[in-house]
Amino acid sequence: MGGFGGGFWWHWGFQLLILVLFFLVIWWLLKGGIGEEPAKILKRRLASGEISEKEYYKLKKEIE
């Protein structure tokens, strides 16, 4: 009955979807989504207890 029809809501919904996807990509890139540097990965693994200090220094030496 309205002059806008169903296309009006699809238009706004699509714009909202694009906006949300844009912010998700920015968030992913800021948190290191493309790839962390190997040294940062090692530090994170050491801090979480995944690897021992001995393993940390051995792997650190290999990547340098």
Protein backbone atom coordinates (compact mmCIF):
# COMPACT_ATOMS: atom_id res chain seq x y z
CA MET A 1 0.00 0.00 0.00
CA GLY A 2 2.83 2.43 0.78
CA GLY A 3 4.72 4.25 -1.93
CA PHE A 4 8.08 2.76 -0.95
CA GLY A 5 7.32 -0.87 -1.60
CA GLY A 6 9.48 -3.76 -0.42
CA GLY A 7 12.62 -2.46 -2.12
CA PHE A 8 13.02 0.35 0.38
CA TRP A 9 13.68 -2.01 3.28
CA TRP A 10 16.01 -4.20 1.23
CA HIS A 11 18.05 -1.12 0.36
CA TRP A 12 18.52 -0.13 4.02
CA GLY A 13 19.14 -3.72 5.08
CA PHE A 14 21.83 -4.12 2.45
CA GLN A 15 23.54 -0.87 3.49
CA LEU A 16 23.49 -2.00 7.12
CA LEU A 17 25.00 -5.35 6.14
CA ILE A 18 27.81 -3.63 4.21
CA LEU A 19 28.49 -1.32 7.16
CA VAL A 20 28.66 -4.23 9.63
CA LEU A 21 30.96 -6.19 7.31
CA PHE A 22 33.21 -3.14 6.93
CA PHE A 23 33.60 -2.78 10.70
CA LEU A 24 34.19 -6.52 11.12
CA VAL A 25 37.01 -6.42 8.57
CA ILE A 26 38.58 -3.38 10.27
CA TRP A 27 38.33 -5.12 13.67
CA TRP A 28 39.88 -8.30 12.24
CA LEU A 29 42.77 -6.36 10.68
CA LEU A 30 43.46 -4.42 13.88
CA LYS A 31 43.66 -7.55 15.98
CA GLY A 32 46.25 -9.08 13.64
CA GLY A 33 44.03 -11.04 11.29
CA ILE A 34 46.40 -10.99 8.33
CA GLY A 35 49.13 -12.70 10.28
CA GLU A 36 51.10 -12.20 13.42
CA GLU A 37 54.82 -11.82 13.45
CA PRO A 38 56.52 -15.06 14.50
CA ALA A 39 58.13 -13.40 17.55
CA LYS A 40 54.73 -12.23 18.81
CA ILE A 41 53.29 -15.71 18.34
CA LEU A 42 56.15 -17.19 20.36
CA LYS A 43 55.67 -14.66 23.17
CA ARG A 44 51.95 -15.37 23.26
CA ARG A 45 52.54 -19.13 23.36
CA LEU A 46 55.10 -18.73 26.16
CA ALA A 47 52.76 -16.51 28.17
CA SER A 48 49.88 -18.96 27.82
CA GLY A 49 52.06 -21.90 28.88
CA GLU A 50 51.86 -23.65 25.53
CA ILE A 51 55.66 -23.87 25.30
CA SER A 52 58.44 -23.89 27.88
CA GLU A 53 61.16 -21.25 28.16
CA LYS A 54 63.64 -23.73 26.71
CA GLU A 55 61.42 -24.25 23.66
CA TYR A 56 60.84 -20.50 23.41
CA TYR A 57 64.54 -19.67 23.20
CA LYS A 58 65.19 -22.54 20.78
CA LEU A 59 62.40 -21.42 18.44
CA LYS A 60 63.35 -17.76 18.81
CA LYS A 61 66.87 -18.56 17.70
CA GLU A 62 65.52 -20.40 14.64
CA ILE A 63 63.34 -17.53 13.46
CA GLU A 64 66.02 -14.87 13.83
